[in-house]
């Protein structure tokens, strides 16, 4: 009997491990995976969209955001709390943008 593929939760645990690991001169933090490595981590020869969505949801439960950049052949991973801490766009800039740009209708 063939081995079953790892579950989304198991793959998310591997991704969390990589996030916490020391490499590239950093003790933890954001990173990218190429398609081949992501397929290896997931135990699959192809990573279907619905499988990726399950992995994404499992990563979110661990406080990680994983993004698939198909055109570049990579996946990016970072902590959700880092993204939440990004600066907000002030309403005054949106107003200025709307006033200065001529939108085609």
PDB file of N, CA and C in Angstrom:
ATOM      1  N   UNK A   1       0.839  -1.187   0.000  1.00  0.00           N
ATOM      2  CA  UNK A   1       0.000   0.000   0.000  1.00  0.00           C
ATOM      3  C   UNK A   1       0.883   1.250   0.000  1.00  0.00           C
ATOM      4  N   UNK A   2       0.569   2.202  -0.847  1.00  0.00           N
ATOM      5  CA  UNK A   2       1.358   3.437  -0.954  1.00  0.00           C
ATOM      6  C   UNK A   2       1.111   4.324   0.257  1.00  0.00           C
ATOM      7  N   UNK A   3       2.129   5.092   0.597  1.00  0.00           N
ATOM      8  CA  UNK A   3       1.983   6.032   1.710  1.00  0.00           C
ATOM      9  C   UNK A   3       1.041   7.159   1.317  1.00  0.00           C
ATOM     10  N   UNK A   4       0.209   7.535   2.254  1.00  0.00           N
ATOM     11  CA  UNK A   4      -0.697   8.663   2.012  1.00  0.00           C
ATOM     12  C   UNK A   4       0.099   9.960   2.053  1.00  0.00           C
ATOM     13  N   UNK A   5      -0.372  10.935   1.312  1.00  0.00           N
ATOM     14  CA  UNK A   5       0.276  12.251   1.329  1.00  0.00           C
ATOM     15  C   UNK A   5       0.045  12.900   2.687  1.00  0.00           C
ATOM     16  N   UNK A   6       0.981  13.746   3.129  1.00  0.00           N
ATOM     17  CA  UNK A   6       0.775  14.450   4.394  1.00  0.00           C
ATOM     18  C   UNK A   6      -0.467  15.344   4.327  1.00  0.00           C
ATOM     19  N   UNK A   7      -1.115  15.507   5.466  1.00  0.00           N
ATOM     20  CA  UNK A   7      -2.280  16.385   5.547  1.00  0.00           C
ATOM     21  C   UNK A   7      -1.837  17.841   5.471  1.00  0.00           C
ATOM     22  N   UNK A   8      -2.793  18.715   5.258  1.00  0.00           N
ATOM     23  CA  UNK A   8      -2.495  20.155   5.236  1.00  0.00           C
ATOM     24  C   UNK A   8      -1.887  20.593   6.563  1.00  0.00           C
ATOM     25  N   UNK A   9      -2.386  20.048   7.676  1.00  0.00           N
ATOM     26  CA  UNK A   9      -1.844  20.399   8.997  1.00  0.00           C
ATOM     27  C   UNK A   9      -0.397  19.939   9.140  1.00  0.00           C
ATOM     28  N   UNK A  10      -0.079  18.762   8.600  1.00  0.00           N
ATOM     29  CA  UNK A  10       1.298  18.262   8.657  1.00  0.00           C
ATOM     30  C   UNK A  10       2.226  19.126   7.797  1.00  0.00           C
ATOM     31  N   UNK A  11       1.745  19.544   6.642  1.00  0.00           N
ATOM     32  CA  UNK A  11       2.544  20.410   5.773  1.00  0.00           C
ATOM     33  C   UNK A  11       2.747  21.762   6.445  1.00  0.00           C
ATOM     34  N   UNK A  12       1.697  22.294   7.060  1.00  0.00           N
ATOM     35  CA  UNK A  12       1.806  23.574   7.775  1.00  0.00           C
ATOM     36  C   UNK A  12       2.822  23.469   8.914  1.00  0.00           C
ATOM     37  N   UNK A  13       2.871  22.323   9.590  1.00  0.00           N
ATOM     38  CA  UNK A  13       3.853  22.121  10.667  1.00  0.00           C
ATOM     39  C   UNK A  13       5.275  22.162  10.106  1.00  0.00           C
ATOM     40  N   UNK A  14       5.476  21.587   8.927  1.00  0.00           N
ATOM     41  CA  UNK A  14       6.790  21.637   8.275  1.00  0.00           C
ATOM     42  C   UNK A  14       7.154  23.080   7.912  1.00  0.00           C
ATOM     43  N   UNK A  15       6.181  23.814   7.420  1.00  0.00           N
ATOM     44  CA  UNK A  15       6.415  25.214   7.053  1.00  0.00           C
ATOM     45  C   UNK A  15       6.725  26.032   8.297  1.00  0.00           C
ATOM     46  N   UNK A  16       6.017  25.778   9.396  1.00  0.00           N
ATOM     47  CA  UNK A  16       6.306  26.460  10.678  1.00  0.00           C
ATOM     48  C   UNK A  16       7.730  26.143  11.120  1.00  0.00           C
ATOM     49  N   UNK A  17       8.146  24.888  10.989  1.00  0.00           N
ATOM     50  CA  UNK A  17       9.512  24.485  11.342  1.00  0.00           C
ATOM     51  C   UNK A  17      10.526  25.295  10.530  1.00  0.00           C
ATOM     52  N   UNK A  18      10.298  25.402   9.224  1.00  0.00           N
ATOM     53  CA  UNK A  18      11.204  26.175   8.375  1.00  0.00           C
ATOM     54  C   UNK A  18      11.226  27.645   8.790  1.00  0.00           C
ATOM     55  N   UNK A  19      10.079  28.188   9.139  1.00  0.00           N
ATOM     56  CA  UNK A  19       9.988  29.589   9.572  1.00  0.00           C
ATOM     57  C   UNK A  19      10.825  29.824  10.817  1.00  0.00           C
ATOM     58  N   UNK A  20      10.845  28.857  11.722  1.00  0.00           N
ATOM     59  CA  UNK A  20      11.576  28.993  12.988  1.00  0.00           C
ATOM     60  C   UNK A  20      13.051  28.621  12.862  1.00  0.00           C
ATOM     61  N   UNK A  21      13.441  27.992  11.756  1.00  0.00           N
ATOM     62  CA  UNK A  21      14.811  27.508  11.577  1.00  0.00           C
ATOM     63  C   UNK A  21      15.775  28.644  11.247  1.00  0.00           C
ATOM     64  N   UNK A  22      17.034  28.429  11.607  1.00  0.00           N
ATOM     65  CA  UNK A  22      18.091  29.380  11.282  1.00  0.00           C
ATOM     66  C   UNK A  22      18.685  29.024   9.922  1.00  0.00           C
ATOM     67  N   UNK A  23      18.635  29.986   9.002  1.00  0.00           N
ATOM     68  CA  UNK A  23      19.295  29.842   7.702  1.00  0.00           C
ATOM     69  C   UNK A  23      19.378  31.212   7.046  1.00  0.00           C
ATOM     70  N   UNK A  24      20.257  31.337   6.091  1.00  0.00           N
ATOM     71  CA  UNK A  24      20.482  32.589   5.358  1.00  0.00           C
ATOM     72  C   UNK A  24      20.792  33.759   6.289  1.00  0.00           C
ATOM     73  N   UNK A  25      21.503  33.460   7.379  1.00  0.00           N
ATOM     74  CA  UNK A  25      21.940  34.510   8.296  1.00  0.00           C
ATOM     75  C   UNK A  25      20.870  35.030   9.238  1.00  0.00           C
ATOM     76  N   UNK A  26      19.708  34.394   9.280  1.00  0.00           N
ATOM     77  CA  UNK A  26      18.624  34.832  10.160  1.00  0.00           C
ATOM     78  C   UNK A  26      18.193  33.676  11.042  1.00  0.00           C
ATOM     79  N   UNK A  27      17.748  34.019  12.246  1.00  0.00           N
ATOM     80  CA  UNK A  27      17.325  32.977  13.184  1.00  0.00           C
ATOM     81  C   UNK A  27      15.889  32.535  12.949  1.00  0.00           C
ATOM     82  N   UNK A  28      15.097  33.335  12.288  1.00  0.00           N
ATOM     83  CA  UNK A  28      13.723  32.981  11.940  1.00  0.00           C
ATOM     84  C   UNK A  28      13.180  34.057  11.020  1.00  0.00           C
ATOM     85  N   UNK A  29      12.047  33.806  10.395  1.00  0.00           N
ATOM     86  CA  UNK A  29      11.426  34.858   9.607  1.00  0.00           C
ATOM     87  C   UNK A  29      11.004  34.424   8.220  1.00  0.00           C
ATOM     88  N   UNK A  30      10.619  35.418   7.452  1.00  0.00           N
ATOM     89  CA  UNK A  30      10.048  35.174   6.128  1.00  0.00           C
ATOM     90  C   UNK A  30      11.023  34.445   5.221  1.00  0.00           C
ATOM     91  N   UNK A  31      10.435  33.714   4.280  1.00  0.00           N
ATOM     92  CA  UNK A  31      11.257  32.957   3.333  1.00  0.00           C
ATOM     93  C   UNK A  31      10.413  32.604   2.115  1.00  0.00           C
ATOM     94  N   UNK A  32      11.075  32.056   1.114  1.00  0.00           N
ATOM     95  CA  UNK A  32      10.368  31.581  -0.073  1.00  0.00           C
ATOM     96  C   UNK A  32      10.783  30.148  -0.355  1.00  0.00           C
ATOM     97  N   UNK A  33       9.854  29.428  -0.978  1.00  0.00           N
ATOM     98  CA  UNK A  33      10.084  28.049  -1.409  1.00  0.00           C
ATOM     99  C   UNK A  33       9.837  27.983  -2.901  1.00  0.00           C
ATOM    100  N   UNK A  34      10.698  27.282  -3.630  1.00  0.00           N
ATOM    101  CA  UNK A  34      10.388  27.105  -5.044  1.00  0.00           C
ATOM    102  C   UNK A  34       9.381  25.959  -5.197  1.00  0.00           C
ATOM    103  N   UNK A  35       8.776  25.873  -6.360  1.00  0.00           N
ATOM    104  CA  UNK A  35       7.746  24.859  -6.613  1.00  0.00           C
ATOM    105  C   UNK A  35       8.214  23.448  -6.268  1.00  0.00           C
ATOM    106  N   UNK A  36       9.425  23.119  -6.681  1.00  0.00           N
ATOM    107  CA  UNK A  36       9.940  21.767  -6.471  1.00  0.00           C
ATOM    108  C   UNK A  36      10.023  21.436  -4.983  1.00  0.00           C
ATOM    109  N   UNK A  37      10.534  22.356  -4.187  1.00  0.00           N
ATOM    110  CA  UNK A  37      10.645  22.112  -2.748  1.00  0.00           C
ATOM    111  C   UNK A  37       9.260  22.039  -2.103  1.00  0.00           C
ATOM    112  N   UNK A  38       8.337  22.871  -2.536  1.00  0.00           N
ATOM    113  CA  UNK A  38       6.979  22.830  -1.987  1.00  0.00           C
ATOM    114  C   UNK A  38       6.305  21.499  -2.314  1.00  0.00           C
ATOM    115  N   UNK A  39       6.520  21.000  -3.505  1.00  0.00           N
ATOM    116  CA  UNK A  39       5.961  19.690  -3.861  1.00  0.00           C
ATOM    117  C   UNK A  39       6.582  18.594  -2.992  1.00  0.00           C
ATOM    118  N   UNK A  40       7.878  18.695  -2.738  1.00  0.00           N
ATOM    119  CA  UNK A  40       8.552  17.710  -1.884  1.00  0.00           C
ATOM    120  C   UNK A  40       7.998  17.757  -0.461  1.00  0.00           C
ATOM    121  N   UNK A  41       7.826  18.965   0.084  1.00  0.00           N
ATOM    122  CA  UNK A  41       7.279  19.123   1.438  1.00  0.00           C
ATOM    123  C   UNK A  41       5.867  18.554   1.515  1.00  0.00           C
ATOM    124  N   UNK A  42       5.108  18.749   0.448  1.00  0.00           N
ATOM    125  CA  UNK A  42       3.715  18.300   0.452  1.00  0.00           C
ATOM    126  C   UNK A  42       3.570  16.826   0.053  1.00  0.00           C
ATOM    127  N   UNK A  43       4.666  16.199  -0.383  1.00  0.00           N
ATOM    128  CA  UNK A  43       4.613  14.795  -0.766  1.00  0.00           C
ATOM    129  C   UNK A  43       3.796  14.542  -2.018  1.00  0.00           C
ATOM    130  N   UNK A  44       3.772  15.516  -2.900  1.00  0.00           N
ATOM    131  CA  UNK A  44       2.956  15.423  -4.107  1.00  0.00           C
ATOM    132  C   UNK A  44       3.794  15.766  -5.339  1.00  0.00           C
ATOM    133  N   UNK A  45       3.417  15.163  -6.466  1.00  0.00           N
ATOM    134  CA  UNK A  45       4.092  15.508  -7.712  1.00  0.00           C
ATOM    135  C   UNK A  45       3.496  16.772  -8.316  1.00  0.00           C
ATOM    136  N   UNK A  46       2.239  17.064  -7.938  1.00  0.00           N
ATOM    137  CA  UNK A  46       1.556  18.305  -8.351  1.00  0.00           C
ATOM    138  C   UNK A  46       0.817  18.845  -7.141  1.00  0.00           C
ATOM    139  N   UNK A  47       0.786  20.146  -7.022  1.00  0.00           N
ATOM    140  CA  UNK A  47       0.069  20.776  -5.913  1.00  0.00           C
ATOM    141  C   UNK A  47      -1.159  21.472  -6.494  1.00  0.00           C
ATOM    142  N   UNK A  48      -2.305  20.844  -6.340  1.00  0.00           N
ATOM    143  CA  UNK A  48      -3.551  21.382  -6.876  1.00  0.00           C
ATOM    144  C   UNK A  48      -4.002  22.601  -6.076  1.00  0.00           C
ATOM    145  N   UNK A  49      -4.792  23.451  -6.714  1.00  0.00           N
ATOM    146  CA  UNK A  49      -5.252  24.683  -6.069  1.00  0.00           C
ATOM    147  C   UNK A  49      -6.007  24.402  -4.775  1.00  0.00           C
ATOM    148  N   UNK A  50      -6.881  23.401  -4.771  1.00  0.00           N
ATOM    149  CA  UNK A  50      -7.647  23.132  -3.555  1.00  0.00           C
ATOM    150  C   UNK A  50      -6.749  22.619  -2.431  1.00  0.00           C
ATOM    151  N   UNK A  51      -5.717  21.861  -2.773  1.00  0.00           N
ATOM    152  CA  UNK A  51      -4.760  21.408  -1.766  1.00  0.00           C
ATOM    153  C   UNK A  51      -4.001  22.604  -1.203  1.00  0.00           C
ATOM    154  N   UNK A  52      -3.586  23.517  -2.079  1.00  0.00           N
ATOM    155  CA  UNK A  52      -2.884  24.710  -1.604  1.00  0.00           C
ATOM    156  C   UNK A  52      -3.780  25.524  -0.682  1.00  0.00           C
ATOM    157  N   UNK A  53      -5.049  25.667  -1.014  1.00  0.00           N
ATOM    158  CA  UNK A  53      -5.971  26.431  -0.157  1.00  0.00           C
ATOM    159  C   UNK A  53      -6.085  25.788   1.222  1.00  0.00           C
ATOM    160  N   UNK A  54      -6.075  24.460   1.289  1.00  0.00           N
ATOM    161  CA  UNK A  54      -6.095  23.767   2.585  1.00  0.00           C
ATOM    162  C   UNK A  54      -4.809  24.038   3.366  1.00  0.00           C
ATOM    163  N   UNK A  55      -3.687  24.032   2.673  1.00  0.00           N
ATOM    164  CA  UNK A  55      -2.395  24.321   3.310  1.00  0.00           C
ATOM    165  C   UNK A  55      -2.379  25.771   3.810  1.00  0.00           C
ATOM    166  N   UNK A  56      -2.881  26.667   2.984  1.00  0.00           N
ATOM    167  CA  UNK A  56      -2.946  28.087   3.352  1.00  0.00           C
ATOM    168  C   UNK A  56      -3.781  28.279   4.621  1.00  0.00           C
ATOM    169  N   UNK A  57      -4.912  27.608   4.705  1.00  0.00           N
ATOM    170  CA  UNK A  57      -5.771  27.708   5.892  1.00  0.00           C
ATOM    171  C   UNK A  57      -5.073  27.137   7.124  1.00  0.00           C
ATOM    172  N   UNK A  58      -4.384  26.013   6.955  1.00  0.00           N
ATOM    173  CA  UNK A  58      -3.662  25.409   8.080  1.00  0.00           C
ATOM    174  C   UNK A  58      -2.516  26.306   8.540  1.00  0.00           C
ATOM    175  N   UNK A  59      -1.830  26.939   7.595  1.00  0.00           N
ATOM    176  CA  UNK A  59      -0.755  27.875   7.954  1.00  0.00           C
ATOM    177  C   UNK A  59      -1.330  29.069   8.712  1.00  0.00           C
ATOM    178  N   UNK A  60      -2.485  29.557   8.281  1.00  0.00           N
ATOM    179  CA  UNK A  60      -3.121  30.698   8.938  1.00  0.00           C
ATOM    180  C   UNK A  60      -3.427  30.373  10.399  1.00  0.00           C
ATOM    181  N   UNK A  61      -3.820  29.140  10.674  1.00  0.00           N
ATOM    182  CA  UNK A  61      -4.067  28.724  12.056  1.00  0.00           C
ATOM    183  C   UNK A  61      -2.793  28.801  12.887  1.00  0.00           C
ATOM    184  N   UNK A  62      -1.641  28.657  12.239  1.00  0.00           N
ATOM    185  CA  UNK A  62      -0.338  28.763  12.910  1.00  0.00           C
ATOM    186  C   UNK A  62       0.202  30.192  12.901  1.00  0.00           C
ATOM    187  N   UNK A  63      -0.593  31.145  12.394  1.00  0.00           N
ATOM    188  CA  UNK A  63      -0.151  32.537  12.354  1.00  0.00           C
ATOM    189  C   UNK A  63       0.761  32.864  11.189  1.00  0.00           C
ATOM    190  N   UNK A  64       0.737  32.032  10.155  1.00  0.00           N
ATOM    191  CA  UNK A  64       1.575  32.259   8.981  1.00  0.00           C
ATOM    192  C   UNK A  64       0.715  32.498   7.752  1.00  0.00           C
ATOM    193  N   UNK A  65       1.184  33.365   6.888  1.00  0.00           N
ATOM    194  CA  UNK A  65       0.529  33.609   5.604  1.00  0.00           C
ATOM    195  C   UNK A  65       1.434  33.028   4.529  1.00  0.00           C
ATOM    196  N   UNK A  66       0.872  32.130   3.731  1.00  0.00           N
ATOM    197  CA  UNK A  66       1.616  31.578   2.596  1.00  0.00           C
ATOM    198  C   UNK A  66       0.920  32.051   1.329  1.00  0.00           C
ATOM    199  N   UNK A  67       1.718  32.533   0.397  1.00  0.00           N
ATOM    200  CA  UNK A  67       1.200  33.065  -0.855  1.00  0.00           C
ATOM    201  C   UNK A  67       1.836  32.302  -2.004  1.00  0.00           C
ATOM    202  N   UNK A  68       1.031  31.983  -2.978  1.00  0.00           N
ATOM    203  CA  UNK A  68       1.526  31.270  -4.161  1.00  0.00           C
ATOM    204  C   UNK A  68       1.714  32.276  -5.287  1.00  0.00           C
ATOM    205  N   UNK A  69       2.936  32.391  -5.772  1.00  0.00           N
ATOM    206  CA  UNK A  69       3.244  33.273  -6.900  1.00  0.00           C
ATOM    207  C   UNK A  69       3.572  32.381  -8.097  1.00  0.00           C
ATOM    208  N   UNK A  70       2.522  31.903  -8.753  1.00  0.00           N
ATOM    209  CA  UNK A  70       2.669  30.923  -9.840  1.00  0.00           C
ATOM    210  C   UNK A  70       3.612  31.403 -10.934  1.00  0.00           C
ATOM    211  N   UNK A  71       3.478  32.662 -11.330  1.00  0.00           N
ATOM    212  CA  UNK A  71       4.292  33.192 -12.421  1.00  0.00           C
ATOM    213  C   UNK A  71       5.786  33.087 -12.107  1.00  0.00           C
ATOM    214  N   UNK A  72       6.136  33.274 -10.833  1.00  0.00           N
ATOM    215  CA  UNK A  72       7.539  33.219 -10.416  1.00  0.00           C
ATOM    216  C   UNK A  72       7.962  31.819  -9.977  1.00  0.00           C
ATOM    217  N   UNK A  73       7.004  30.903  -9.850  1.00  0.00           N
ATOM    218  CA  UNK A  73       7.329  29.540  -9.446  1.00  0.00           C
ATOM    219  C   UNK A  73       7.753  29.425  -7.997  1.00  0.00           C
ATOM    220  N   UNK A  74       7.196  30.299  -7.146  1.00  0.00           N
ATOM    221  CA  UNK A  74       7.570  30.281  -5.731  1.00  0.00           C
ATOM    222  C   UNK A  74       6.349  30.432  -4.825  1.00  0.00           C
ATOM    223  N   UNK A  75       6.583  30.121  -3.562  1.00  0.00           N
ATOM    224  CA  UNK A  75       5.640  30.358  -2.481  1.00  0.00           C
ATOM    225  C   UNK A  75       6.375  31.233  -1.471  1.00  0.00           C
ATOM    226  N   UNK A  76       5.695  32.220  -0.927  1.00  0.00           N
ATOM    227  CA  UNK A  76       6.308  33.069   0.091  1.00  0.00           C
ATOM    228  C   UNK A  76       5.593  32.844   1.413  1.00  0.00           C
ATOM    229  N   UNK A  77       6.345  32.931   2.499  1.00  0.00           N
ATOM    230  CA  UNK A  77       5.805  32.677   3.829  1.00  0.00           C
ATOM    231  C   UNK A  77       6.272  33.784   4.773  1.00  0.00           C
ATOM    232  N   UNK A  78       5.326  34.316   5.532  1.00  0.00           N
ATOM    233  CA  UNK A  78       5.677  35.269   6.583  1.00  0.00           C
ATOM    234  C   UNK A  78       4.608  35.243   7.660  1.00  0.00           C
ATOM    235  N   UNK A  79       4.954  35.790   8.817  1.00  0.00           N
ATOM    236  CA  UNK A  79       4.014  35.838   9.927  1.00  0.00           C
ATOM    237  C   UNK A  79       2.895  36.829   9.640  1.00  0.00           C
ATOM    238  N   UNK A  80       1.685  36.422   9.952  1.00  0.00           N
ATOM    239  CA  UNK A  80       0.528  37.289   9.768  1.00  0.00           C
ATOM    240  C   UNK A  80       0.665  38.543  10.621  1.00  0.00           C
ATOM    241  N   UNK A  81       1.176  38.398  11.848  1.00  0.00           N
ATOM    242  CA  UNK A  81       1.284  39.567  12.733  1.00  0.00           C
ATOM    243  C   UNK A  81       2.238  40.619  12.165  1.00  0.00           C
ATOM    244  N   UNK A  82       3.199  40.220  11.371  1.00  0.00           N
ATOM    245  CA  UNK A  82       4.086  41.194  10.712  1.00  0.00           C
ATOM    246  C   UNK A  82       3.296  41.999   9.681  1.00  0.00           C
ATOM    247  N   UNK A  83       2.412  41.324   8.964  1.00  0.00           N
ATOM    248  CA  UNK A  83       1.609  42.005   7.959  1.00  0.00           C
ATOM    249  C   UNK A  83       0.610  42.952   8.614  1.00  0.00           C
ATOM    250  N   UNK A  84       0.023  42.525   9.716  1.00  0.00           N
ATOM    251  CA  UNK A  84      -0.943  43.356  10.429  1.00  0.00           C
ATOM    252  C   UNK A  84      -0.283  44.636  10.939  1.00  0.00           C
ATOM    253  N   UNK A  85       1.010  44.568  11.217  1.00  0.00           N
ATOM    254  CA  UNK A  85       1.742  45.718  11.746  1.00  0.00           C
ATOM    255  C   UNK A  85       2.169  46.715  10.666  1.00  0.00           C
ATOM    256  N   UNK A  86       1.960  46.381   9.394  1.00  0.00           N
ATOM    257  CA  UNK A  86       2.333  47.308   8.325  1.00  0.00           C
ATOM    258  C   UNK A  86       1.577  48.617   8.478  1.00  0.00           C
ATOM    259  N   UNK A  87       2.121  49.657   7.904  1.00  0.00           N
ATOM    260  CA  UNK A  87       1.495  50.973   8.010  1.00  0.00           C
ATOM    261  C   UNK A  87       0.169  51.023   7.248  1.00  0.00           C
ATOM    262  N   UNK A  88      -0.750  51.791   7.790  1.00  0.00           N
ATOM    263  CA  UNK A  88      -2.058  51.988   7.165  1.00  0.00           C
ATOM    264  C   UNK A  88      -1.992  53.159   6.188  1.00  0.00           C
ATOM    265  N   UNK A  89      -2.749  53.067   5.132  1.00  0.00           N
ATOM    266  CA  UNK A  89      -2.867  54.189   4.200  1.00  0.00           C
ATOM    267  C   UNK A  89      -3.855  55.179   4.822  1.00  0.00           C
ATOM    268  N   UNK A  90      -3.425  56.427   5.034  1.00  0.00           N
ATOM    269  CA  UNK A  90      -4.347  57.401   5.624  1.00  0.00           C
ATOM    270  C   UNK A  90      -5.417  57.839   4.622  1.00  0.00           C
ATOM    271  N   UNK A  91      -6.585  58.134   5.135  1.00  0.00           N
ATOM    272  CA  UNK A  91      -7.715  58.543   4.295  1.00  0.00           C
ATOM    273  C   UNK A  91      -7.372  59.780   3.476  1.00  0.00           C
ATOM    274  N   UNK A  92      -6.550  60.673   4.031  1.00  0.00           N
ATOM    275  CA  UNK A  92      -6.197  61.902   3.310  1.00  0.00           C
ATOM    276  C   UNK A  92      -5.469  61.585   2.005  1.00  0.00           C
ATOM    277  N   UNK A  93      -4.663  60.518   1.988  1.00  0.00           N
ATOM    278  CA  UNK A  93      -3.969  60.150   0.751  1.00  0.00           C
ATOM    279  C   UNK A  93      -4.939  59.588  -0.281  1.00  0.00           C
ATOM    280  N   UNK A  94      -5.916  58.845   0.171  1.00  0.00           N
ATOM    281  CA  UNK A  94      -6.925  58.333  -0.747  1.00  0.00           C
ATOM    282  C   UNK A  94      -7.723  59.484  -1.348  1.00  0.00           C
ATOM    283  N   UNK A  95      -8.069  60.461  -0.521  1.00  0.00           N
ATOM    284  CA  UNK A  95      -8.785  61.644  -1.009  1.00  0.00           C
ATOM    285  C   UNK A  95      -7.937  62.385  -2.030  1.00  0.00           C
ATOM    286  N   UNK A  96      -6.652  62.563  -1.716  1.00  0.00           N
ATOM    287  CA  UNK A  96      -5.743  63.249  -2.637  1.00  0.00           C
ATOM    288  C   UNK A  96      -5.631  62.472  -3.946  1.00  0.00           C
ATOM    289  N   UNK A  97      -5.510  61.173  -3.854  1.00  0.00           N
ATOM    290  CA  UNK A  97      -5.435  60.324  -5.039  1.00  0.00           C
ATOM    291  C   UNK A  97      -6.682  60.490  -5.902  1.00  0.00           C
ATOM    292  N   UNK A  98      -7.836  60.446  -5.275  1.00  0.00           N
ATOM    293  CA  UNK A  98      -9.084  60.584  -6.016  1.00  0.00           C
ATOM    294  C   UNK A  98      -9.208  61.957  -6.670  1.00  0.00           C
ATOM    295  N   UNK A  99      -8.710  62.989  -5.991  1.00  0.00           N
ATOM    296  CA  UNK A  99      -8.797  64.344  -6.533  1.00  0.00           C
ATOM    297  C   UNK A  99      -7.795  64.594  -7.656  1.00  0.00           C
ATOM    298  N   UNK A 100      -6.624  63.994  -7.592  1.00  0.00           N
ATOM    299  CA  UNK A 100      -5.565  64.284  -8.553  1.00  0.00           C
ATOM    300  C   UNK A 100      -5.583  63.372  -9.781  1.00  0.00           C
ATOM    301  N   UNK A 101      -6.079  62.170  -9.662  1.00  0.00           N
ATOM    302  CA  UNK A 101      -6.074  61.249 -10.772  1.00  0.00           C
ATOM    303  C   UNK A 101      -7.386  61.352 -11.523  1.00  0.00           C
ATOM    304  N   UNK A 102      -7.282  61.302 -12.805  1.00  0.00           N
ATOM    305  CA  UNK A 102      -8.467  61.293 -13.645  1.00  0.00           C
ATOM    306  C   UNK A 102      -8.740  59.850 -14.042  1.00  0.00           C
ATOM    307  N   UNK A 103      -9.735  59.270 -13.443  1.00  0.00           N
ATOM    308  CA  UNK A 103     -10.069  57.867 -13.722  1.00  0.00           C
ATOM    309  C   UNK A 103     -10.921  57.811 -14.983  1.00  0.00           C
ATOM    310  N   UNK A 104     -10.588  56.907 -15.837  1.00  0.00           N
ATOM    311  CA  UNK A 104     -11.376  56.714 -17.062  1.00  0.00           C
ATOM    312  C   UNK A 104     -12.649  55.955 -16.694  1.00  0.00           C
ATOM    313  N   UNK A 105     -13.734  56.420 -17.220  1.00  0.00           N
ATOM    314  CA  UNK A 105     -15.002  55.761 -16.920  1.00  0.00           C
ATOM    315  C   UNK A 105     -15.566  55.109 -18.133  1.00  0.00           C
TER     316      UNK A 105
END
